Amino acid sequence: MCFLRSATKTIYFKFNYMRKKFTFFLILIFVLGLAPVNFSSAQNLSNRLSGKILLQVENVGQAWYIDPETKERAFLGRPADAFKIMRELGLGISEDSYNSFNGYAPNRLSGKILLRVEANGEAYYVFPDDLKMHYLGRPADAFDVMREKGLGITNADLEKVPVFLKYAEQVGINSEAIDANNQAILDIQKQLDEQKANEEEPKITLQDTSNLTPLPTPSNNKQEANEYINNQITSINSIISKFLIIEGNNQNFVQDTKNELSEYSYSNLVQSSGQQLINEVENQNFIISKIFDVCNQIITEFNSLKNTGNTTSNNYKSLENQLTNYINQYGVAENKAKALIKTHVSNMASALDQKEAEVNKEVEKLQNIKSALDKLTSLIDIANNDLLDLSSQIDEKNVEIEKIKNQAIPMSIINAQLATVYDEYNTIVNEYNIALEAKNVLINLYSRVYDYYENDTPLSYSDKLSLQNIGIYL
């Protein structure tokens, strides 16, 4: 039991770790697309925001729901938290009322969460602006509604709305995750700034030699020619330095991606897109190695021209064309890698959603098994009490039989009395045997359900039928 619980917790926390690694990409995109509304001059802020979903855009886009009844804000946290809280604050409605709304609730229900109590508790959010009812079927649906209908708000205005005491603890629980996301966004922004700075650097190109005026007397112009050659060698070395940095970054990226794939071993889609991305980045480094080879050859060629008065040669022209070709190839590979990154990130998002569903399903299964074990324990206790009671009745009958036998009355009367008591005795013994057999069945069922809980050993069809007969469904 402990092993399976531990394994489930490991899956859950491992999933959360991967979720944190990926979430900051989505948060950054999401937050940058929102503009906060300033309510500083508004009167009765809580009343104006009643039923709204607010997004704290000055942090990482934390979502809050303003309960129309209390006018207090509840922190929605993760999709599963949002789904749970929004349903807990729901108002039950009949099917007649639901059908009469025709998709749009009356004004008195503005901003409320409506629950169709006669239709498996289906939940709907009534958007205050148009009173349209939005279905909250799954946690993902609730999260989509938050993104689509959320209203940006500043921290200062949000502080004016009191926190719903029932969910105050949830705010503290999520503070660490929020801080981590804040730091992640700062890290990303730093990376973006560095990338932008690199992109804005003037591109290093070879000097154009096509318009170079031929030197009439090489021996008299060696100094000028050597100066030109040295400048060209400096440009080539700058190209080498630039690509050395790119090559090192690519090597780190490949290793990080390989490590990341080990976290997503359960997803073939992520493995495939990740390997394609690795292959393309390694292809970039292969092209870079060719660029290094040509650059070194160009430097060698320039060095051979020193002190000759010449600044170019047919061999150099060929090498220059090769270098241009390889740099163009690198540009194509770089664009392809960028497209593969988008696909890979999308696949990771899908894999995380799938893993979240699997974890939730596993947790639900374990909870059901635990409930089944508790019920079986209760039934076994009842059976034990019944057996004790029946055993006591058997002892009483035995005492009664002995008393009848010891009476100083005719044997015919004794036999008649014994016949009646024996019938009662046999009935109790039969009940005892039935109760004992039922207890043994329950103990055997408990053992197999426990094995299912501990070792994930499947239950047989007959075991499932036996459990269903006592109201347990697994």
Protein backbone atom coordinates (compact mmCIF):
# COMPACT_ATOMS: atom_id res chain seq x y z
CA MET A 1 0.00 0.00 0.00
CA CYS A 2 2.74 2.41 1.00
CA PHE A 3 4.69 1.57 -2.15
CA LEU A 4 1.77 2.39 -4.45
CA ARG A 5 0.95 5.57 -2.60
CA SER A 6 4.61 6.60 -2.83
CA ALA A 7 4.68 5.79 -6.55
CA THR A 8 1.56 7.85 -7.14
CA LYS A 9 3.01 10.80 -5.24
CA THR A 10 6.23 10.46 -7.24
CA ILE A 11 4.27 10.59 -10.50
CA TYR A 12 2.29 13.58 -9.25
CA PHE A 13 5.28 15.64 -8.11
CA LYS A 14 7.34 14.65 -11.13
CA PHE A 15 4.47 15.80 -13.31
CA ASN A 16 4.31 19.13 -11.40
CA TYR A 17 8.07 19.58 -11.88
CA MET A 18 7.70 19.12 -15.64
CA ARG A 19 4.61 21.32 -15.63
CA LYS A 20 6.61 24.14 -13.98
CA LYS A 21 9.37 23.76 -16.57
CA PHE A 22 6.86 24.28 -19.37
CA THR A 23 4.23 26.57 -17.83
CA PHE A 24 6.36 29.71 -17.85
CA PHE A 25 6.32 29.70 -21.71
CA LEU A 26 2.53 29.77 -21.70
CA ILE A 27 2.36 32.30 -18.86
CA LEU A 28 4.67 34.72 -20.66
CA ILE A 29 2.63 34.53 -23.87
CA PHE A 30 -0.60 34.86 -21.92
CA VAL A 31 0.47 37.80 -19.75
CA LEU A 32 1.94 39.80 -22.64
CA GLY A 33 -1.41 39.64 -24.40
CA LEU A 34 -3.33 41.36 -21.58
CA ALA A 35 -3.67 44.98 -20.56
CA PRO A 36 -4.84 45.75 -17.01
CA VAL A 37 -7.91 47.89 -16.43
CA ASN A 38 -7.50 50.59 -13.82
CA PHE A 39 -10.45 50.77 -11.43
CA SER A 40 -8.88 53.33 -9.12
CA SER A 41 -11.74 55.79 -9.66
CA ALA A 42 -14.53 53.22 -9.50
CA GLN A 43 -17.02 53.18 -6.65
CA ASN A 44 -17.96 49.97 -4.85
CA LEU A 45 -15.29 48.01 -6.67
CA SER A 46 -16.44 44.62 -5.41
CA ASN A 47 -19.98 45.28 -6.71
CA ARG A 48 -18.73 46.32 -10.13
CA LEU A 49 -16.56 43.21 -10.40
CA SER A 50 -19.19 40.82 -9.04
CA GLY A 51 -19.06 37.50 -10.87
CA LYS A 52 -16.03 38.50 -12.92
CA ILE A 53 -12.86 36.46 -13.46
CA LEU A 54 -9.85 38.73 -12.81
CA LEU A 55 -6.30 38.21 -14.05
CA GLN A 56 -3.46 39.66 -11.97
CA VAL A 57 -1.38 40.79 -14.95
CA GLU A 58 1.30 42.60 -12.95
CA ASN A 59 2.40 39.22 -11.57
CA VAL A 60 2.02 36.04 -13.66
CA GLY A 61 -1.64 36.26 -14.60
CA GLN A 62 -3.07 34.63 -11.45
CA ALA A 63 -6.82 34.16 -11.83
CA TRP A 64 -9.45 35.17 -9.26
CA TYR A 65 -13.21 34.68 -9.22
CA ILE A 66 -15.39 37.31 -7.51
CA ASP A 67 -18.24 35.44 -5.83
CA PRO A 68 -21.49 37.37 -6.52
CA GLU A 69 -22.88 36.44 -3.09
CA THR A 70 -19.97 37.46 -0.81
CA LYS A 71 -18.29 39.92 -3.22
CA GLU A 72 -15.02 38.26 -2.18
CA ARG A 73 -12.30 36.85 -4.43
CA ALA A 74 -11.37 33.17 -4.62
CA PHE A 75 -7.98 32.18 -6.04
CA LEU A 76 -8.42 29.78 -8.95
CA GLY A 77 -4.82 28.52 -9.15
CA ARG A 78 -4.28 25.56 -11.50
CA PRO A 79 -6.99 24.30 -13.93
CA ALA A 80 -7.99 21.57 -11.45
CA ASP A 81 -8.24 24.16 -8.62
CA ALA A 82 -10.33 26.46 -10.79
CA PHE A 83 -12.64 23.61 -11.74
CA LYS A 84 -13.08 22.55 -8.10
CA ILE A 85 -13.66 26.02 -6.65
CA MET A 86 -16.00 27.21 -9.39
CA ARG A 87 -18.15 24.10 -8.88
CA GLU A 88 -18.12 24.48 -5.08
CA LEU A 89 -19.49 28.00 -5.43
CA GLY A 90 -22.17 26.81 -7.85
CA LEU A 91 -25.94 27.29 -7.57
CA GLY A 92 -28.21 24.34 -8.39
CA ILE A 93 -30.91 24.80 -11.02
CA SER A 94 -33.67 22.51 -12.29
CA GLU A 95 -33.91 21.21 -15.85
CA ASP A 96 -37.03 23.32 -16.40
CA SER A 97 -35.08 26.45 -15.51
CA TYR A 98 -32.10 25.40 -17.61
CA ASN A 99 -34.24 24.73 -20.68
CA SER A 100 -36.06 28.05 -20.26
CA PHE A 101 -32.75 29.97 -20.31
CA ASN A 102 -31.94 28.80 -23.85
CA GLY A 103 -28.21 29.44 -23.31
CA TYR A 104 -28.60 32.87 -21.65
CA ALA A 105 -29.34 33.24 -17.95
CA PRO A 106 -31.53 35.99 -16.42
CA ASN A 107 -29.81 39.07 -15.02
CA ARG A 108 -30.28 37.91 -11.41
CA LEU A 109 -27.85 35.04 -12.11
CA SER A 110 -25.12 37.26 -13.61
CA GLY A 111 -21.64 35.95 -12.82
CA LYS A 112 -22.88 32.85 -11.01
CA ILE A 113 -21.85 29.23 -11.52
CA LEU A 114 -24.96 27.19 -12.33
CA LEU A 115 -25.18 23.44 -11.65
CA ARG A 116 -27.72 21.23 -13.44
CA VAL A 117 -28.50 19.02 -10.47
CA GLU A 118 -30.74 16.77 -12.56
CA ALA A 119 -28.07 16.30 -15.26
CA ASN A 120 -25.07 14.92 -13.37
CA GLY A 121 -24.24 18.35 -11.95
CA GLU A 122 -23.06 19.88 -15.24
CA ALA A 123 -21.59 23.34 -14.49
CA TYR A 124 -21.98 26.59 -16.43
CA TYR A 125 -20.46 30.04 -15.89
CA VAL A 126 -22.75 33.02 -16.59
CA PHE A 127 -20.56 35.72 -18.13
CA PRO A 128 -21.74 39.05 -16.65
CA ASP A 129 -21.23 41.11 -19.82
CA ASP A 130 -23.73 39.18 -21.97
CA LEU A 131 -25.24 36.58 -19.54
CA LYS A 132 -24.17 33.78 -21.88
CA MET A 133 -23.72 30.39 -20.16
CA HIS A 134 -20.27 28.80 -20.71
CA TYR A 135 -19.90 25.07 -20.09
CA LEU A 136 -17.32 24.00 -17.47
CA GLY A 137 -17.17 20.31 -18.31
CA ARG A 138 -13.53 19.56 -17.47
CA PRO A 139 -10.68 21.42 -15.74
CA ALA A 140 -9.38 22.38 -19.20
CA ASP A 141 -12.77 23.91 -20.07
CA ALA A 142 -12.73 25.98 -16.88
CA PHE A 143 -9.20 27.17 -17.68
CA ASP A 144 -10.26 28.14 -21.25
CA VAL A 145 -13.10 30.24 -19.82
CA MET A 146 -10.60 31.95 -17.50
CA ARG A 147 -8.35 32.85 -20.43
CA GLU A 148 -11.15 34.00 -22.74
CA LYS A 149 -13.30 35.87 -20.23
CA GLY A 150 -10.68 37.05 -17.74
CA LEU A 151 -10.31 40.77 -17.09
CA GLY A 152 -6.86 42.22 -16.36
CA ILE A 153 -6.50 44.10 -13.08
CA THR A 154 -3.66 45.87 -11.28
CA ASN A 155 -2.33 44.63 -7.96
CA ALA A 156 -3.44 47.84 -6.26
CA ASP A 157 -7.06 47.46 -7.39
CA LEU A 158 -7.10 43.75 -6.63
CA GLU A 159 -6.04 44.44 -3.04
CA LYS A 160 -9.26 46.44 -2.58
CA VAL A 161 -11.31 43.27 -3.00
CA PRO A 162 -11.28 41.06 0.14
CA VAL A 163 -10.11 37.43 -0.11
CA PHE A 164 -12.72 34.70 0.29
CA LEU A 165 -11.80 33.27 3.71
CA LYS A 166 -12.78 29.73 2.73
CA TYR A 167 -10.04 29.71 0.08
CA ALA A 168 -7.51 31.99 1.77
CA GLU A 169 -5.23 29.03 2.51
CA GLN A 170 -5.04 28.22 -1.20
CA VAL A 171 -3.37 31.59 -1.83
CA GLY A 172 -0.52 30.69 0.52
CA ILE A 173 -0.16 27.22 -0.94
CA ASN A 174 0.33 28.65 -4.43
CA SER A 175 2.65 31.51 -3.46
CA GLU A 176 5.78 29.40 -3.90
CA ALA A 177 4.68 28.33 -7.38
CA ILE A 178 3.89 31.96 -8.25
CA ASP A 179 7.34 33.08 -7.11
CA ALA A 180 8.90 30.31 -9.19
CA ASN A 181 6.91 31.42 -12.24
CA ASN A 182 7.91 35.06 -11.64
CA GLN A 183 11.56 34.03 -11.58
CA ALA A 184 11.07 31.91 -14.69
CA ILE A 185 9.61 34.89 -16.54
CA LEU A 186 12.52 37.09 -15.46
CA ASP A 187 14.91 34.42 -16.72
CA ILE A 188 13.10 34.21 -20.05
CA GLN A 189 13.06 37.99 -20.40
CA LYS A 190 16.79 38.03 -19.77
CA GLN A 191 17.28 35.37 -22.45
CA LEU A 192 15.10 37.34 -24.87
CA ASP A 193 17.07 40.53 -24.18
CA GLU A 194 20.34 38.71 -24.78
CA GLN A 195 19.00 37.16 -27.96
CA LYS A 196 17.77 40.55 -29.16
CA ALA A 197 21.13 42.10 -28.42
CA ASN A 198 22.86 39.37 -30.40
CA GLU A 199 20.47 39.81 -33.33
CA GLU A 200 21.07 43.55 -33.39
CA GLU A 201 24.83 43.13 -33.65
CA PRO A 202 26.08 44.09 -37.14
CA LYS A 203 26.53 40.97 -39.23
CA ILE A 204 30.15 40.12 -39.97
CA THR A 205 30.73 39.96 -43.71
CA LEU A 206 33.79 39.71 -45.89
CA GLN A 207 35.02 42.94 -47.38
CA ASP A 208 34.08 43.37 -51.02
CA THR A 209 37.22 43.03 -53.17
CA SER A 210 35.50 43.42 -56.54
CA ASN A 211 36.11 47.19 -56.65
CA LEU A 212 39.64 47.05 -55.26
CA THR A 213 41.93 49.09 -57.48
CA PRO A 214 44.74 46.85 -58.79
CA LEU A 215 48.10 47.78 -57.42
CA PRO A 216 50.40 48.73 -60.34
CA THR A 217 53.62 47.89 -58.59
CA PRO A 218 53.20 45.06 -56.02
CA SER A 219 56.60 45.66 -54.48
CA ASN A 220 55.71 49.30 -53.78
CA ASN A 221 52.26 48.49 -52.31
CA LYS A 222 52.97 45.49 -50.10
CA GLN A 223 52.22 47.43 -46.93
CA GLU A 224 48.77 48.51 -48.19
CA ALA A 225 48.02 44.98 -49.46
CA ASN A 226 49.14 43.40 -46.17
CA GLU A 227 46.95 45.83 -44.22
CA TYR A 228 43.95 44.83 -46.34
CA ILE A 229 44.74 41.13 -45.86
CA ASN A 230 45.07 41.52 -42.09
CA ASN A 231 41.65 43.22 -41.98
CA GLN A 232 40.15 40.34 -43.93
CA ILE A 233 41.75 37.79 -41.59
CA THR A 234 40.28 39.73 -38.63
CA SER A 235 36.83 39.51 -40.24
CA ILE A 236 37.22 35.76 -40.77
CA ASN A 237 38.33 35.29 -37.15
CA SER A 238 35.24 37.22 -36.05
CA ILE A 239 33.07 34.80 -38.02
CA ILE A 240 34.85 31.88 -36.36
CA SER A 241 34.34 33.42 -32.89
CA LYS A 242 30.66 34.00 -33.54
CA PHE A 243 30.04 30.43 -34.66
CA LEU A 244 32.14 29.02 -31.83
CA ILE A 245 29.63 30.55 -29.40
CA ILE A 246 26.71 29.19 -31.43
CA GLU A 247 28.34 25.75 -31.56
CA GLY A 248 28.77 25.69 -27.77
CA ASN A 249 25.18 26.82 -27.18
CA ASN A 250 23.95 24.16 -29.58
CA GLN A 251 25.88 21.45 -27.72
CA ASN A 252 24.33 22.56 -24.42
CA PHE A 253 20.89 22.69 -26.04
CA VAL A 254 21.25 19.14 -27.36
CA GLN A 255 22.27 17.84 -23.93
CA ASP A 256 19.43 19.70 -22.18
CA THR A 257 16.92 18.35 -24.70
CA LYS A 258 18.18 14.79 -24.22
CA ASN A 259 17.78 15.18 -20.45
CA GLU A 260 14.31 16.63 -20.95
CA LEU A 261 13.25 13.69 -23.12
CA SER A 262 13.97 11.35 -20.22
CA GLU A 263 11.27 13.22 -18.27
CA TYR A 264 8.80 12.60 -21.12
CA SER A 265 9.59 8.91 -21.67
CA TYR A 266 5.85 8.14 -21.64
CA SER A 267 5.15 10.25 -24.77
CA ASN A 268 6.19 8.90 -28.19
CA LEU A 269 5.14 12.19 -29.79
CA VAL A 270 7.50 14.22 -27.60
CA GLN A 271 10.30 11.71 -28.15
CA SER A 272 9.84 11.99 -31.94
CA SER A 273 9.73 15.79 -32.13
CA GLY A 274 12.56 16.07 -29.59
CA GLN A 275 14.80 13.74 -31.60
CA GLN A 276 14.04 15.66 -34.80
CA LEU A 277 15.03 18.87 -33.01
CA ILE A 278 18.25 17.29 -31.72
CA ASN A 279 19.10 16.04 -35.23
CA GLU A 280 18.53 19.48 -36.74
CA VAL A 281 20.68 21.25 -34.12
CA GLU A 282 23.44 18.67 -34.61
CA ASN A 283 23.11 19.33 -38.35
CA GLN A 284 23.70 23.01 -37.60
CA ASN A 285 26.93 22.12 -35.83
CA PHE A 286 27.97 19.95 -38.78
CA ILE A 287 27.48 22.96 -41.08
CA ILE A 288 29.40 25.10 -38.59
CA SER A 289 32.31 22.63 -38.74
CA LYS A 290 32.36 23.14 -42.53
CA ILE A 291 32.35 26.91 -42.00
CA PHE A 292 35.37 26.53 -39.69
CA ASP A 293 37.21 24.44 -42.31
CA VAL A 294 36.61 27.02 -45.07
CA CYS A 295 37.48 29.94 -42.76
CA ASN A 296 40.80 28.30 -41.85
CA GLN A 297 41.52 27.67 -45.52
CA ILE A 298 40.77 31.32 -46.33
CA ILE A 299 43.12 32.47 -43.55
CA THR A 300 45.83 30.16 -44.94
CA GLU A 301 45.21 31.56 -48.42
CA PHE A 302 45.45 35.16 -47.19
CA ASN A 303 48.66 34.40 -45.32
CA SER A 304 50.12 33.02 -48.53
CA LEU A 305 49.33 36.35 -50.25
CA LYS A 306 51.20 38.42 -47.69
CA ASN A 307 54.26 40.26 -48.98
CA THR A 308 53.24 39.54 -52.59
CA GLY A 309 51.29 42.75 -53.13
CA ASN A 310 48.25 40.72 -54.18
CA THR A 311 44.97 40.81 -52.25
CA THR A 312 42.99 38.07 -53.97
CA SER A 313 43.33 34.87 -55.97
CA ASN A 314 41.16 32.40 -57.89
CA ASN A 315 41.44 29.98 -54.97
CA TYR A 316 40.22 32.67 -52.56
CA LYS A 317 37.20 33.42 -54.79
CA SER A 318 36.26 29.74 -54.71
CA LEU A 319 36.64 29.59 -50.94
CA GLU A 320 34.56 32.76 -50.51
CA ASN A 321 31.73 31.18 -52.52
CA GLN A 322 31.92 28.04 -50.37
CA LEU A 323 31.73 30.12 -47.19
CA THR A 324 28.71 32.05 -48.44
CA ASN A 325 27.01 28.76 -49.38
CA TYR A 326 27.61 27.21 -45.93
CA ILE A 327 26.40 30.33 -44.11
CA ASN A 328 23.21 30.22 -46.20
CA GLN A 329 22.80 26.53 -45.34
CA TYR A 330 23.14 27.39 -41.68
CA GLY A 331 20.40 30.03 -42.00
CA VAL A 332 18.04 27.44 -43.51
CA ALA A 333 18.86 24.95 -40.76
CA GLU A 334 18.32 27.60 -38.09
CA ASN A 335 14.84 28.45 -39.42
CA LYS A 336 13.95 24.77 -39.56
CA ALA A 337 15.07 24.33 -35.93
CA LYS A 338 12.87 27.26 -34.84
CA ALA A 339 9.83 25.62 -36.47
CA LEU A 340 10.70 22.30 -34.80
CA ILE A 341 10.94 24.03 -31.40
CA LYS A 342 7.35 25.28 -31.75
CA THR A 343 6.15 21.78 -32.64
CA HIS A 344 8.14 20.24 -29.78
CA VAL A 345 6.76 22.69 -27.21
CA SER A 346 3.22 22.01 -28.44
CA ASN A 347 3.81 18.25 -28.11
CA MET A 348 5.12 18.73 -24.56
CA ALA A 349 1.97 20.67 -23.66
CA SER A 350 -0.22 17.85 -25.00
CA ALA A 351 1.87 15.24 -23.19
CA LEU A 352 1.56 17.11 -19.91
CA ASP A 353 -2.23 17.36 -20.29
CA GLN A 354 -2.32 13.62 -20.98
CA LYS A 355 -0.12 12.88 -17.96
CA GLU A 356 -2.29 15.09 -15.76
CA ALA A 357 -5.36 13.13 -16.85
CA GLU A 358 -3.57 9.82 -16.17
CA VAL A 359 -2.44 10.95 -12.73
CA ASN A 360 -5.93 12.16 -11.83
CA LYS A 361 -7.36 8.87 -13.04
CA GLU A 362 -4.85 6.90 -10.98
CA VAL A 363 -5.58 8.97 -7.88
CA GLU A 364 -9.32 8.46 -8.37
CA LYS A 365 -8.78 4.71 -8.78
CA LEU A 366 -6.75 4.52 -5.57
CA GLN A 367 -9.39 6.49 -3.71
CA ASN A 368 -12.09 4.09 -4.94
CA ILE A 369 -10.04 1.07 -3.88
CA LYS A 370 -9.40 2.62 -0.47
CA SER A 371 -13.14 3.23 -0.05
CA ALA A 372 -13.81 -0.39 -1.04
CA LEU A 373 -11.32 -1.65 1.56
CA ASP A 374 -12.94 0.54 4.22
CA LYS A 375 -16.39 -0.81 3.37
CA LEU A 376 -15.15 -4.43 3.38
CA THR A 377 -13.55 -3.82 6.79
CA SER A 378 -16.86 -2.49 8.07
CA LEU A 379 -18.76 -5.51 6.71
CA ILE A 380 -16.22 -7.92 8.26
CA ASP A 381 -16.70 -6.18 11.63
CA ILE A 382 -20.47 -6.59 11.30
CA ALA A 383 -20.01 -10.28 10.45
CA ASN A 384 -17.79 -10.73 13.53
CA ASN A 385 -20.44 -9.15 15.75
CA ASP A 386 -23.12 -11.40 14.24
CA LEU A 387 -20.97 -14.46 14.86
CA LEU A 388 -20.41 -13.46 18.49
CA ASP A 389 -24.14 -12.98 18.97
CA LEU A 390 -24.98 -16.32 17.34
CA SER A 391 -22.25 -18.08 19.34
CA SER A 392 -23.78 -16.69 22.53
CA GLN A 393 -27.21 -17.98 21.45
CA ILE A 394 -25.76 -21.45 20.80
CA ASP A 395 -24.23 -21.50 24.29
CA GLU A 396 -27.59 -20.52 25.77
CA LYS A 397 -29.32 -23.35 23.90
CA ASN A 398 -26.75 -25.84 25.14
CA VAL A 399 -27.43 -24.74 28.71
CA GLU A 400 -31.17 -25.01 28.08
CA ILE A 401 -30.79 -28.53 26.64
CA GLU A 402 -28.86 -29.66 29.73
CA LYS A 403 -31.53 -28.26 32.03
CA ILE A 404 -34.27 -30.13 30.14
CA LYS A 405 -32.33 -33.37 30.32
CA ASN A 406 -31.91 -33.03 34.09
CA GLN A 407 -35.63 -32.54 34.80
CA ALA A 408 -37.37 -35.14 36.98
CA ILE A 409 -40.28 -35.60 34.59
CA PRO A 410 -41.38 -38.34 32.24
CA MET A 411 -38.97 -38.98 29.36
CA SER A 412 -41.71 -38.45 26.80
CA ILE A 413 -42.15 -34.86 27.97
CA ILE A 414 -38.36 -34.32 28.05
CA ASN A 415 -38.08 -35.63 24.48
CA ALA A 416 -40.86 -33.33 23.31
CA GLN A 417 -39.20 -30.31 24.89
CA LEU A 418 -35.81 -31.32 23.49
CA ALA A 419 -37.24 -31.66 20.00
CA THR A 420 -38.40 -28.04 20.07
CA VAL A 421 -35.12 -26.74 21.48
CA TYR A 422 -33.07 -28.81 19.03
CA ASP A 423 -34.98 -27.25 16.13
CA GLU A 424 -34.15 -23.80 17.46
CA TYR A 425 -30.55 -24.90 18.11
CA ASN A 426 -30.11 -26.21 14.54
CA THR A 427 -31.57 -23.00 13.10
CA ILE A 428 -29.05 -20.90 15.05
CA VAL A 429 -26.17 -23.20 14.03
CA ASN A 430 -27.18 -22.86 10.37
CA GLU A 431 -27.27 -19.08 10.72
CA TYR A 432 -23.85 -19.20 12.36
CA ASN A 433 -22.40 -21.29 9.50
CA ILE A 434 -23.89 -18.93 6.91
CA ALA A 435 -22.48 -15.90 8.74
CA LEU A 436 -19.08 -17.60 9.02
CA GLU A 437 -19.07 -18.41 5.30
CA ALA A 438 -20.03 -14.81 4.49
CA LYS A 439 -17.22 -13.54 6.69
CA ASN A 440 -14.72 -15.80 4.92
CA VAL A 441 -15.94 -14.55 1.54
CA LEU A 442 -15.49 -10.96 2.72
CA ILE A 443 -12.00 -11.71 4.04
CA ASN A 444 -11.02 -13.32 0.71
CA LEU A 445 -12.44 -10.34 -1.19
CA TYR A 446 -10.57 -7.96 1.09
CA SER A 447 -7.33 -9.86 0.43
CA ARG A 448 -7.76 -9.64 -3.36
CA VAL A 449 -8.79 -5.97 -3.30
CA TYR A 450 -5.80 -5.22 -1.08
CA ASP A 451 -3.55 -7.02 -3.59
CA TYR A 452 -5.12 -4.86 -6.30
CA TYR A 453 -4.35 -1.77 -4.21
CA GLU A 454 -0.81 -2.82 -3.31
CA ASN A 455 0.42 -4.61 -6.45
CA ASP A 456 -2.13 -3.55 -9.08
CA THR A 457 -3.13 -7.21 -9.52
CA PRO A 458 -6.34 -7.21 -11.63
CA LEU A 459 -9.58 -8.43 -10.05
CA SER A 460 -11.37 -11.38 -11.64
CA TYR A 461 -14.80 -10.99 -13.20
CA SER A 462 -16.37 -13.08 -10.41
CA ASP A 463 -14.69 -10.90 -7.77
CA LYS A 464 -16.12 -7.78 -9.39
CA LEU A 465 -19.60 -9.36 -9.44
CA SER A 466 -19.29 -10.31 -5.75
CA LEU A 467 -18.27 -6.76 -4.91
CA GLN A 468 -21.13 -5.31 -6.91
CA ASN A 469 -23.57 -7.48 -4.95
CA ILE A 470 -22.54 -5.60 -1.80
CA GLY A 471 -22.55 -2.19 -3.49
CA ILE A 472 -18.83 -1.87 -4.36
CA TYR A 473 -17.91 -0.97 -7.93
CA LEU A 474 -14.30 -1.14 -9.09
